[in-house]
PDB file of N, CA and C in Angstrom:
ATOM      1  N   UNK A   1       0.838  -1.184   0.000  1.00  0.00           N
ATOM      2  CA  UNK A   1       0.000   0.000   0.000  1.00  0.00           C
ATOM      3  C   UNK A   1       0.877   1.239   0.000  1.00  0.00           C
ATOM      4  N   UNK A   2       0.693   2.141  -0.934  1.00  0.00           N
ATOM      5  CA  UNK A   2       1.504   3.362  -0.979  1.00  0.00           C
ATOM      6  C   UNK A   2       1.322   4.211   0.274  1.00  0.00           C
ATOM      7  N   UNK A   3       2.384   4.893   0.631  1.00  0.00           N
ATOM      8  CA  UNK A   3       2.353   5.808   1.768  1.00  0.00           C
ATOM      9  C   UNK A   3       1.716   7.129   1.362  1.00  0.00           C
ATOM     10  N   UNK A   4       1.246   7.865   2.332  1.00  0.00           N
ATOM     11  CA  UNK A   4       0.754   9.226   2.114  1.00  0.00           C
ATOM     12  C   UNK A   4       1.904  10.186   2.334  1.00  0.00           C
ATOM     13  N   UNK A   5       2.169  11.019   1.357  1.00  0.00           N
ATOM     14  CA  UNK A   5       3.252  11.976   1.429  1.00  0.00           C
ATOM     15  C   UNK A   5       2.688  13.376   1.224  1.00  0.00           C
ATOM     16  N   UNK A   6       3.464  14.385   1.644  1.00  0.00           N
ATOM     17  CA  UNK A   6       3.014  15.757   1.412  1.00  0.00           C
ATOM     18  C   UNK A   6       3.090  16.091  -0.077  1.00  0.00           C
ATOM     19  N   UNK A   7       2.506  17.206  -0.435  1.00  0.00           N
ATOM     20  CA  UNK A   7       2.609  17.671  -1.821  1.00  0.00           C
ATOM     21  C   UNK A   7       4.070  17.956  -2.147  1.00  0.00           C
ATOM     22  N   UNK A   8       4.500  17.629  -3.366  1.00  0.00           N
ATOM     23  CA  UNK A   8       5.874  17.946  -3.780  1.00  0.00           C
ATOM     24  C   UNK A   8       6.099  19.453  -3.759  1.00  0.00           C
ATOM     25  N   UNK A   9       7.347  19.891  -3.716  1.00  0.00           N
ATOM     26  CA  UNK A   9       8.540  19.070  -3.873  1.00  0.00           C
ATOM     27  C   UNK A   9       9.018  18.459  -2.551  1.00  0.00           C
ATOM     28  N   UNK A  10       9.660  17.310  -2.663  1.00  0.00           N
ATOM     29  CA  UNK A  10      10.408  16.678  -1.593  1.00  0.00           C
ATOM     30  C   UNK A  10      11.480  15.822  -2.257  1.00  0.00           C
ATOM     31  N   UNK A  11      12.270  15.136  -1.480  1.00  0.00           N
ATOM     32  CA  UNK A  11      13.442  14.441  -2.017  1.00  0.00           C
ATOM     33  C   UNK A  11      13.352  12.941  -1.768  1.00  0.00           C
ATOM     34  N   UNK A  12      14.023  12.186  -2.634  1.00  0.00           N
ATOM     35  CA  UNK A  12      14.054  10.731  -2.543  1.00  0.00           C
ATOM     36  C   UNK A  12      15.504  10.255  -2.499  1.00  0.00           C
ATOM     37  N   UNK A  13      15.748   9.270  -1.650  1.00  0.00           N
ATOM     38  CA  UNK A  13      16.982   8.499  -1.682  1.00  0.00           C
ATOM     39  C   UNK A  13      16.567   7.099  -2.117  1.00  0.00           C
ATOM     40  N   UNK A  14      16.979   6.717  -3.319  1.00  0.00           N
ATOM     41  CA  UNK A  14      16.656   5.393  -3.862  1.00  0.00           C
ATOM     42  C   UNK A  14      17.872   4.498  -3.648  1.00  0.00           C
ATOM     43  N   UNK A  15      17.703   3.487  -2.801  1.00  0.00           N
ATOM     44  CA  UNK A  15      18.780   2.562  -2.450  1.00  0.00           C
ATOM     45  C   UNK A  15      18.426   1.198  -3.022  1.00  0.00           C
ATOM     46  N   UNK A  16      19.180   0.751  -4.025  1.00  0.00           N
ATOM     47  CA  UNK A  16      18.964  -0.580  -4.589  1.00  0.00           C
ATOM     48  C   UNK A  16      20.165  -1.437  -4.220  1.00  0.00           C
ATOM     49  N   UNK A  17      19.898  -2.697  -3.868  1.00  0.00           N
ATOM     50  CA  UNK A  17      20.983  -3.541  -3.379  1.00  0.00           C
ATOM     51  C   UNK A  17      20.775  -4.996  -3.774  1.00  0.00           C
ATOM     52  N   UNK A  18      21.902  -5.684  -3.877  1.00  0.00           N
ATOM     53  CA  UNK A  18      21.891  -7.136  -4.032  1.00  0.00           C
ATOM     54  C   UNK A  18      22.478  -7.717  -2.755  1.00  0.00           C
ATOM     55  N   UNK A  19      21.669  -8.465  -2.027  1.00  0.00           N
ATOM     56  CA  UNK A  19      22.094  -9.065  -0.765  1.00  0.00           C
ATOM     57  C   UNK A  19      22.940 -10.301  -1.010  1.00  0.00           C
ATOM     58  N   UNK A  20      23.884 -10.517  -0.112  1.00  0.00           N
ATOM     59  CA  UNK A  20      24.562 -11.800  -0.020  1.00  0.00           C
ATOM     60  C   UNK A  20      23.628 -12.755   0.717  1.00  0.00           C
ATOM     61  N   UNK A  21      23.833 -14.036   0.565  1.00  0.00           N
ATOM     62  CA  UNK A  21      23.012 -15.023   1.282  1.00  0.00           C
ATOM     63  C   UNK A  21      23.688 -15.315   2.616  1.00  0.00           C
ATOM     64  N   UNK A  22      23.631 -14.328   3.529  1.00  0.00           N
ATOM     65  CA  UNK A  22      24.346 -14.458   4.799  1.00  0.00           C
ATOM     66  C   UNK A  22      23.628 -13.715   5.908  1.00  0.00           C
ATOM     67  N   UNK A  23      23.564 -14.327   7.065  1.00  0.00           N
ATOM     68  CA  UNK A  23      23.153 -13.699   8.323  1.00  0.00           C
ATOM     69  C   UNK A  23      21.873 -12.865   8.209  1.00  0.00           C
ATOM     70  N   UNK A  24      20.803 -13.520   7.776  1.00  0.00           N
ATOM     71  CA  UNK A  24      19.532 -12.821   7.575  1.00  0.00           C
ATOM     72  C   UNK A  24      18.961 -12.234   8.867  1.00  0.00           C
ATOM     73  N   UNK A  25      19.134 -12.927   9.973  1.00  0.00           N
ATOM     74  CA  UNK A  25      18.569 -12.415  11.232  1.00  0.00           C
ATOM     75  C   UNK A  25      19.240 -11.107  11.651  1.00  0.00           C
ATOM     76  N   UNK A  26      20.561 -11.044  11.562  1.00  0.00           N
ATOM     77  CA  UNK A  26      21.265  -9.808  11.929  1.00  0.00           C
ATOM     78  C   UNK A  26      20.904  -8.683  10.959  1.00  0.00           C
ATOM     79  N   UNK A  27      20.800  -9.008   9.669  1.00  0.00           N
ATOM     80  CA  UNK A  27      20.425  -7.995   8.679  1.00  0.00           C
ATOM     81  C   UNK A  27      19.024  -7.452   8.976  1.00  0.00           C
ATOM     82  N   UNK A  28      18.082  -8.345   9.214  1.00  0.00           N
ATOM     83  CA  UNK A  28      16.711  -7.914   9.490  1.00  0.00           C
ATOM     84  C   UNK A  28      16.643  -7.038  10.735  1.00  0.00           C
ATOM     85  N   UNK A  29      17.401  -7.396  11.768  1.00  0.00           N
ATOM     86  CA  UNK A  29      17.420  -6.592  12.994  1.00  0.00           C
ATOM     87  C   UNK A  29      17.992  -5.205  12.718  1.00  0.00           C
ATOM     88  N   UNK A  30      19.074  -5.147  11.951  1.00  0.00           N
ATOM     89  CA  UNK A  30      19.678  -3.846  11.629  1.00  0.00           C
ATOM     90  C   UNK A  30      18.734  -3.027  10.756  1.00  0.00           C
ATOM     91  N   UNK A  31      18.100  -3.666   9.798  1.00  0.00           N
ATOM     92  CA  UNK A  31      17.152  -2.966   8.932  1.00  0.00           C
ATOM     93  C   UNK A  31      16.024  -2.347   9.756  1.00  0.00           C
ATOM     94  N   UNK A  32      15.465  -3.122  10.671  1.00  0.00           N
ATOM     95  CA  UNK A  32      14.404  -2.602  11.539  1.00  0.00           C
ATOM     96  C   UNK A  32      14.896  -1.427  12.385  1.00  0.00           C
ATOM     97  N   UNK A  33      16.116  -1.543  12.907  1.00  0.00           N
ATOM     98  CA  UNK A  33      16.681  -0.463  13.722  1.00  0.00           C
ATOM     99  C   UNK A  33      16.883   0.803  12.891  1.00  0.00           C
ATOM    100  N   UNK A  34      17.294   0.654  11.629  1.00  0.00           N
ATOM    101  CA  UNK A  34      17.509   1.829  10.774  1.00  0.00           C
ATOM    102  C   UNK A  34      16.181   2.496  10.418  1.00  0.00           C
ATOM    103  N   UNK A  35      15.140   1.711  10.220  1.00  0.00           N
ATOM    104  CA  UNK A  35      13.817   2.291   9.961  1.00  0.00           C
ATOM    105  C   UNK A  35      13.373   3.109  11.173  1.00  0.00           C
ATOM    106  N   UNK A  36      13.517   2.535  12.366  1.00  0.00           N
ATOM    107  CA  UNK A  36      13.134   3.254  13.584  1.00  0.00           C
ATOM    108  C   UNK A  36      13.945   4.536  13.748  1.00  0.00           C
ATOM    109  N   UNK A  37      15.244   4.459  13.476  1.00  0.00           N
ATOM    110  CA  UNK A  37      16.110   5.629  13.603  1.00  0.00           C
ATOM    111  C   UNK A  37      15.755   6.696  12.572  1.00  0.00           C
ATOM    112  N   UNK A  38      15.535   6.289  11.340  1.00  0.00           N
ATOM    113  CA  UNK A  38      15.185   7.260  10.285  1.00  0.00           C
ATOM    114  C   UNK A  38      13.888   7.987  10.624  1.00  0.00           C
ATOM    115  N   UNK A  39      12.939   7.269  11.188  1.00  0.00           N
ATOM    116  CA  UNK A  39      11.629   7.856  11.468  1.00  0.00           C
ATOM    117  C   UNK A  39      11.677   8.993  12.475  1.00  0.00           C
ATOM    118  N   UNK A  40      12.733   9.081  13.264  1.00  0.00           N
ATOM    119  CA  UNK A  40      12.850  10.180  14.234  1.00  0.00           C
ATOM    120  C   UNK A  40      13.836  11.262  13.770  1.00  0.00           C
ATOM    121  N   UNK A  41      14.362  11.117  12.564  1.00  0.00           N
ATOM    122  CA  UNK A  41      15.281  12.115  12.031  1.00  0.00           C
ATOM    123  C   UNK A  41      14.502  13.326  11.524  1.00  0.00           C
ATOM    124  N   UNK A  42      14.971  14.533  11.828  1.00  0.00           N
ATOM    125  CA  UNK A  42      14.321  15.719  11.273  1.00  0.00           C
ATOM    126  C   UNK A  42      14.310  15.658   9.745  1.00  0.00           C
ATOM    127  N   UNK A  43      13.163  15.936   9.173  1.00  0.00           N
ATOM    128  CA  UNK A  43      13.022  15.962   7.726  1.00  0.00           C
ATOM    129  C   UNK A  43      12.607  14.644   7.095  1.00  0.00           C
ATOM    130  N   UNK A  44      12.521  13.568   7.866  1.00  0.00           N
ATOM    131  CA  UNK A  44      12.089  12.280   7.318  1.00  0.00           C
ATOM    132  C   UNK A  44      10.597  12.318   7.029  1.00  0.00           C
ATOM    133  N   UNK A  45      10.196  11.805   5.864  1.00  0.00           N
ATOM    134  CA  UNK A  45       8.786  11.785   5.478  1.00  0.00           C
ATOM    135  C   UNK A  45       8.222  10.370   5.483  1.00  0.00           C
ATOM    136  N   UNK A  46       8.951   9.417   4.930  1.00  0.00           N
ATOM    137  CA  UNK A  46       8.454   8.044   4.854  1.00  0.00           C
ATOM    138  C   UNK A  46       9.351   7.194   3.978  1.00  0.00           C
ATOM    139  N   UNK A  47       8.929   5.947   3.746  1.00  0.00           N
ATOM    140  CA  UNK A  47       9.728   5.061   2.914  1.00  0.00           C
ATOM    141  C   UNK A  47       8.860   3.957   2.313  1.00  0.00           C
ATOM    142  N   UNK A  48       9.383   3.348   1.253  1.00  0.00           N
ATOM    143  CA  UNK A  48       8.826   2.159   0.617  1.00  0.00           C
ATOM    144  C   UNK A  48       9.982   1.182   0.468  1.00  0.00           C
ATOM    145  N   UNK A  49       9.711  -0.117   0.617  1.00  0.00           N
ATOM    146  CA  UNK A  49      10.792  -1.083   0.483  1.00  0.00           C
ATOM    147  C   UNK A  49      10.255  -2.413  -0.013  1.00  0.00           C
ATOM    148  N   UNK A  50      11.050  -3.093  -0.846  1.00  0.00           N
ATOM    149  CA  UNK A  50      10.687  -4.426  -1.345  1.00  0.00           C
ATOM    150  C   UNK A  50      11.967  -5.190  -1.646  1.00  0.00           C
ATOM    151  N   UNK A  51      11.920  -6.515  -1.494  1.00  0.00           N
ATOM    152  CA  UNK A  51      13.064  -7.366  -1.816  1.00  0.00           C
ATOM    153  C   UNK A  51      12.530  -8.654  -2.412  1.00  0.00           C
ATOM    154  N   UNK A  52      13.193  -9.151  -3.468  1.00  0.00           N
ATOM    155  CA  UNK A  52      12.741 -10.394  -4.087  1.00  0.00           C
ATOM    156  C   UNK A  52      13.458 -11.604  -3.484  1.00  0.00           C
ATOM    157  N   UNK A  53      13.056 -12.801  -3.894  1.00  0.00           N
ATOM    158  CA  UNK A  53      13.593 -14.039  -3.338  1.00  0.00           C
ATOM    159  C   UNK A  53      15.078 -14.219  -3.644  1.00  0.00           C
ATOM    160  N   UNK A  54      15.573 -13.590  -4.704  1.00  0.00           N
ATOM    161  CA  UNK A  54      16.985 -13.702  -5.073  1.00  0.00           C
ATOM    162  C   UNK A  54      17.859 -12.689  -4.330  1.00  0.00           C
ATOM    163  N   UNK A  55      17.253 -11.843  -3.486  1.00  0.00           N
ATOM    164  CA  UNK A  55      18.019 -10.908  -2.679  1.00  0.00           C
ATOM    165  C   UNK A  55      18.149  -9.505  -3.227  1.00  0.00           C
ATOM    166  N   UNK A  56      17.528  -9.225  -4.393  1.00  0.00           N
ATOM    167  CA  UNK A  56      17.572  -7.861  -4.918  1.00  0.00           C
ATOM    168  C   UNK A  56      16.484  -7.037  -4.244  1.00  0.00           C
ATOM    169  N   UNK A  57      16.853  -5.841  -3.762  1.00  0.00           N
ATOM    170  CA  UNK A  57      15.879  -5.004  -3.083  1.00  0.00           C
ATOM    171  C   UNK A  57      16.022  -3.545  -3.437  1.00  0.00           C
ATOM    172  N   UNK A  58      14.937  -2.828  -3.219  1.00  0.00           N
ATOM    173  CA  UNK A  58      14.913  -1.378  -3.404  1.00  0.00           C
ATOM    174  C   UNK A  58      14.222  -0.771  -2.196  1.00  0.00           C
ATOM    175  N   UNK A  59      14.871   0.211  -1.601  1.00  0.00           N
ATOM    176  CA  UNK A  59      14.257   0.998  -0.537  1.00  0.00           C
ATOM    177  C   UNK A  59      14.329   2.450  -0.961  1.00  0.00           C
ATOM    178  N   UNK A  60      13.190   3.100  -1.011  1.00  0.00           N
ATOM    179  CA  UNK A  60      13.099   4.527  -1.285  1.00  0.00           C
ATOM    180  C   UNK A  60      12.740   5.222   0.016  1.00  0.00           C
ATOM    181  N   UNK A  61      13.587   6.147   0.434  1.00  0.00           N
ATOM    182  CA  UNK A  61      13.225   6.972   1.585  1.00  0.00           C
ATOM    183  C   UNK A  61      12.991   8.391   1.089  1.00  0.00           C
ATOM    184  N   UNK A  62      12.084   9.086   1.756  1.00  0.00           N
ATOM    185  CA  UNK A  62      11.642  10.405   1.315  1.00  0.00           C
ATOM    186  C   UNK A  62      11.939  11.428   2.404  1.00  0.00           C
ATOM    187  N   UNK A  63      12.423  12.586   1.966  1.00  0.00           N
ATOM    188  CA  UNK A  63      12.937  13.605   2.884  1.00  0.00           C
ATOM    189  C   UNK A  63      12.478  14.993   2.452  1.00  0.00           C
ATOM    190  N   UNK A  64      12.393  15.895   3.426  1.00  0.00           N
ATOM    191  CA  UNK A  64      11.962  17.264   3.156  1.00  0.00           C
ATOM    192  C   UNK A  64      13.008  18.080   2.414  1.00  0.00           C
ATOM    193  N   UNK A  65      14.303  17.749   2.598  1.00  0.00           N
ATOM    194  CA  UNK A  65      15.362  18.589   2.014  1.00  0.00           C
ATOM    195  C   UNK A  65      16.638  17.777   1.806  1.00  0.00           C
ATOM    196  N   UNK A  66      17.525  18.336   1.002  1.00  0.00           N
ATOM    197  CA  UNK A  66      18.841  17.722   0.834  1.00  0.00           C
ATOM    198  C   UNK A  66      19.650  17.809   2.127  1.00  0.00           C
ATOM    199  N   UNK A  67      19.449  18.863   2.914  1.00  0.00           N
ATOM    200  CA  UNK A  67      20.133  18.959   4.204  1.00  0.00           C
ATOM    201  C   UNK A  67      19.730  17.817   5.128  1.00  0.00           C
ATOM    202  N   UNK A  68      18.449  17.456   5.122  1.00  0.00           N
ATOM    203  CA  UNK A  68      17.986  16.331   5.945  1.00  0.00           C
ATOM    204  C   UNK A  68      18.635  15.025   5.485  1.00  0.00           C
ATOM    205  N   UNK A  69      18.788  14.852   4.187  1.00  0.00           N
ATOM    206  CA  UNK A  69      19.453  13.660   3.644  1.00  0.00           C
ATOM    207  C   UNK A  69      20.913  13.629   4.077  1.00  0.00           C
ATOM    208  N   UNK A  70      21.590  14.756   3.985  1.00  0.00           N
ATOM    209  CA  UNK A  70      22.998  14.812   4.399  1.00  0.00           C
ATOM    210  C   UNK A  70      23.144  14.499   5.892  1.00  0.00           C
ATOM    211  N   UNK A  71      22.237  14.999   6.705  1.00  0.00           N
ATOM    212  CA  UNK A  71      22.286  14.713   8.141  1.00  0.00           C
ATOM    213  C   UNK A  71      22.082  13.219   8.395  1.00  0.00           C
ATOM    214  N   UNK A  72      21.163  12.594   7.677  1.00  0.00           N
ATOM    215  CA  UNK A  72      20.941  11.151   7.809  1.00  0.00           C
ATOM    216  C   UNK A  72      22.189  10.381   7.388  1.00  0.00           C
ATOM    217  N   UNK A  73      22.818  10.793   6.326  1.00  0.00           N
ATOM    218  CA  UNK A  73      24.030  10.146   5.841  1.00  0.00           C
ATOM    219  C   UNK A  73      25.136  10.191   6.896  1.00  0.00           C
ATOM    220  N   UNK A  74      25.190  11.270   7.693  1.00  0.00           N
ATOM    221  CA  UNK A  74      26.239  11.445   8.707  1.00  0.00           C
ATOM    222  C   UNK A  74      25.881  10.864  10.071  1.00  0.00           C
ATOM    223  N   UNK A  75      24.672  10.357  10.257  1.00  0.00           N
ATOM    224  CA  UNK A  75      24.267   9.804  11.542  1.00  0.00           C
ATOM    225  C   UNK A  75      25.208   8.662  11.933  1.00  0.00           C
ATOM    226  N   UNK A  76      25.727   8.698  13.148  1.00  0.00           N
ATOM    227  CA  UNK A  76      26.735   7.729  13.601  1.00  0.00           C
ATOM    228  C   UNK A  76      26.217   6.292  13.511  1.00  0.00           C
ATOM    229  N   UNK A  77      25.008   6.049  13.952  1.00  0.00           N
ATOM    230  CA  UNK A  77      24.455   4.687  13.896  1.00  0.00           C
ATOM    231  C   UNK A  77      24.220   4.253  12.456  1.00  0.00           C
ATOM    232  N   UNK A  78      23.809   5.172  11.611  1.00  0.00           N
ATOM    233  CA  UNK A  78      23.622   4.860  10.198  1.00  0.00           C
ATOM    234  C   UNK A  78      24.966   4.563   9.535  1.00  0.00           C
ATOM    235  N   UNK A  79      26.006   5.302   9.887  1.00  0.00           N
ATOM    236  CA  UNK A  79      27.350   5.038   9.359  1.00  0.00           C
ATOM    237  C   UNK A  79      27.817   3.637   9.753  1.00  0.00           C
ATOM    238  N   UNK A  80      27.552   3.237  10.991  1.00  0.00           N
ATOM    239  CA  UNK A  80      27.929   1.890  11.447  1.00  0.00           C
ATOM    240  C   UNK A  80      27.171   0.830  10.659  1.00  0.00           C
ATOM    241  N   UNK A  81      25.885   1.057  10.403  1.00  0.00           N
ATOM    242  CA  UNK A  81      25.084   0.106   9.618  1.00  0.00           C
ATOM    243  C   UNK A  81      25.607   0.011   8.187  1.00  0.00           C
ATOM    244  N   UNK A  82      25.993   1.143   7.611  1.00  0.00           N
ATOM    245  CA  UNK A  82      26.557   1.127   6.258  1.00  0.00           C
ATOM    246  C   UNK A  82      27.831   0.282   6.211  1.00  0.00           C
ATOM    247  N   UNK A  83      28.677   0.456   7.203  1.00  0.00           N
ATOM    248  CA  UNK A  83      29.931  -0.288   7.270  1.00  0.00           C
ATOM    249  C   UNK A  83      29.663  -1.798   7.372  1.00  0.00           C
ATOM    250  N   UNK A  84      28.727  -2.178   8.235  1.00  0.00           N
ATOM    251  CA  UNK A  84      28.366  -3.600   8.361  1.00  0.00           C
ATOM    252  C   UNK A  84      27.756  -4.133   7.072  1.00  0.00           C
ATOM    253  N   UNK A  85      26.976  -3.310   6.397  1.00  0.00           N
ATOM    254  CA  UNK A  85      26.389  -3.726   5.127  1.00  0.00           C
ATOM    255  C   UNK A  85      27.444  -4.068   4.101  1.00  0.00           C
ATOM    256  N   UNK A  86      28.457  -3.215   3.992  1.00  0.00           N
ATOM    257  CA  UNK A  86      29.536  -3.479   3.030  1.00  0.00           C
ATOM    258  C   UNK A  86      30.344  -4.712   3.429  1.00  0.00           C
ATOM    259  N   UNK A  87      30.554  -4.918   4.713  1.00  0.00           N
ATOM    260  CA  UNK A  87      31.345  -6.063   5.182  1.00  0.00           C
ATOM    261  C   UNK A  87      30.577  -7.386   5.111  1.00  0.00           C
ATOM    262  N   UNK A  88      29.294  -7.361   5.471  1.00  0.00           N
ATOM    263  CA  UNK A  88      28.580  -8.620   5.732  1.00  0.00           C
ATOM    264  C   UNK A  88      27.382  -8.931   4.848  1.00  0.00           C
ATOM    265  N   UNK A  89      26.691  -7.930   4.323  1.00  0.00           N
ATOM    266  CA  UNK A  89      25.371  -8.207   3.784  1.00  0.00           C
ATOM    267  C   UNK A  89      25.170  -7.906   2.310  1.00  0.00           C
ATOM    268  N   UNK A  90      25.954  -7.040   1.720  1.00  0.00           N
ATOM    269  CA  UNK A  90      25.698  -6.630   0.342  1.00  0.00           C
ATOM    270  C   UNK A  90      26.762  -7.130  -0.625  1.00  0.00           C
ATOM    271  N   UNK A  91      26.287  -7.662  -1.730  1.00  0.00           N
ATOM    272  CA  UNK A  91      27.151  -7.938  -2.876  1.00  0.00           C
ATOM    273  C   UNK A  91      27.467  -6.618  -3.579  1.00  0.00           C
ATOM    274  N   UNK A  92      26.444  -5.788  -3.702  1.00  0.00           N
ATOM    275  CA  UNK A  92      26.580  -4.479  -4.346  1.00  0.00           C
ATOM    276  C   UNK A  92      25.371  -3.632  -3.982  1.00  0.00           C
ATOM    277  N   UNK A  93      25.542  -2.311  -4.084  1.00  0.00           N
ATOM    278  CA  UNK A  93      24.400  -1.415  -3.934  1.00  0.00           C
ATOM    279  C   UNK A  93      24.645  -0.133  -4.701  1.00  0.00           C
ATOM    280  N   UNK A  94      23.556   0.562  -4.990  1.00  0.00           N
ATOM    281  CA  UNK A  94      23.592   1.870  -5.637  1.00  0.00           C
ATOM    282  C   UNK A  94      22.675   2.804  -4.863  1.00  0.00           C
ATOM    283  N   UNK A  95      23.084   4.054  -4.777  1.00  0.00           N
ATOM    284  CA  UNK A  95      22.274   5.095  -4.142  1.00  0.00           C
ATOM    285  C   UNK A  95      22.054   6.195  -5.163  1.00  0.00           C
ATOM    286  N   UNK A  96      20.810   6.601  -5.299  1.00  0.00           N
ATOM    287  CA  UNK A  96      20.457   7.710  -6.180  1.00  0.00           C
ATOM    288  C   UNK A  96      19.617   8.696  -5.369  1.00  0.00           C
ATOM    289  N   UNK A  97      19.900   9.970  -5.550  1.00  0.00           N
ATOM    290  CA  UNK A  97      19.176  11.006  -4.813  1.00  0.00           C
ATOM    291  C   UNK A  97      18.558  11.950  -5.831  1.00  0.00           C
ATOM    292  N   UNK A  98      17.293  12.255  -5.621  1.00  0.00           N
ATOM    293  CA  UNK A  98      16.607  13.132  -6.559  1.00  0.00           C
ATOM    294  C   UNK A  98      15.516  13.936  -5.882  1.00  0.00           C
ATOM    295  N   UNK A  99      14.975  14.836  -6.645  1.00  0.00           N
ATOM    296  CA  UNK A  99      13.883  15.688  -6.163  1.00  0.00           C
ATOM    297  C   UNK A  99      12.601  15.228  -6.829  1.00  0.00           C
ATOM    298  N   UNK A 100      11.577  15.053  -6.037  1.00  0.00           N
ATOM    299  CA  UNK A 100      10.250  14.710  -6.548  1.00  0.00           C
ATOM    300  C   UNK A 100       9.502  16.016  -6.792  1.00  0.00           C
ATOM    301  N   UNK A 101       9.176  16.274  -8.046  1.00  0.00           N
ATOM    302  CA  UNK A 101       8.439  17.489  -8.404  1.00  0.00           C
ATOM    303  C   UNK A 101       6.957  17.224  -8.655  1.00  0.00           C
ATOM    304  N   UNK A 102       6.627  16.003  -9.036  1.00  0.00           N
ATOM    305  CA  UNK A 102       5.233  15.611  -9.256  1.00  0.00           C
ATOM    306  C   UNK A 102       5.032  14.229  -8.651  1.00  0.00           C
ATOM    307  N   UNK A 103       3.855  13.982  -8.128  1.00  0.00           N
ATOM    308  CA  UNK A 103       3.525  12.664  -7.596  1.00  0.00           C
ATOM    309  C   UNK A 103       2.020  12.442  -7.743  1.00  0.00           C
ATOM    310  N   UNK A 104       1.656  11.242  -8.124  1.00  0.00           N
ATOM    311  CA  UNK A 104       0.244  10.892  -8.234  1.00  0.00           C
ATOM    312  C   UNK A 104       0.112   9.389  -8.121  1.00  0.00           C
ATOM    313  N   UNK A 105      -1.090   8.903  -7.978  1.00  0.00           N
ATOM    314  CA  UNK A 105      -1.290   7.465  -7.829  1.00  0.00           C
ATOM    315  C   UNK A 105      -2.745   7.087  -8.016  1.00  0.00           C
ATOM    316  N   UNK A 106      -3.024   5.856  -7.701  1.00  0.00           N
ATOM    317  CA  UNK A 106      -4.355   5.291  -7.791  1.00  0.00           C
ATOM    318  C   UNK A 106      -4.554   4.372  -6.616  1.00  0.00           C
ATOM    319  N   UNK A 107      -5.752   4.314  -6.106  1.00  0.00           N
ATOM    320  CA  UNK A 107      -6.077   3.381  -5.044  1.00  0.00           C
ATOM    321  C   UNK A 107      -7.575   3.176  -4.936  1.00  0.00           C
ATOM    322  N   UNK A 108      -7.973   1.944  -4.806  1.00  0.00           N
ATOM    323  CA  UNK A 108      -9.396   1.643  -4.566  1.00  0.00           C
ATOM    324  C   UNK A 108      -9.734   1.934  -3.116  1.00  0.00           C
ATOM    325  N   UNK A 109     -10.935   2.397  -2.911  1.00  0.00           N
ATOM    326  CA  UNK A 109     -11.351   2.692  -1.533  1.00  0.00           C
ATOM    327  C   UNK A 109     -11.987   1.481  -0.913  1.00  0.00           C
TER     328      UNK A 109
END
């Protein structure tokens, strides 16, 4: 189910990754902790996330400003999670940052 977001403009961090087949419980715990941490960061709006059976995933997080994104990038706990991700959980990942100028959708009531 799509999240409710404010009217644009706002910003997106699109994180796509290929997981290694390793330590799923620790990864899931860290992922949950990062969601909780992001939700209390100034400027955080929301996120969408999906992962397939082969380990490819996409997480889009939404932010009020580029400054809020930079602050999230510098968060000490987030930096530690990034380091563990590179060491233990990811084969590869890409990060893309952009501005959302238009947004629309469809949903049955």
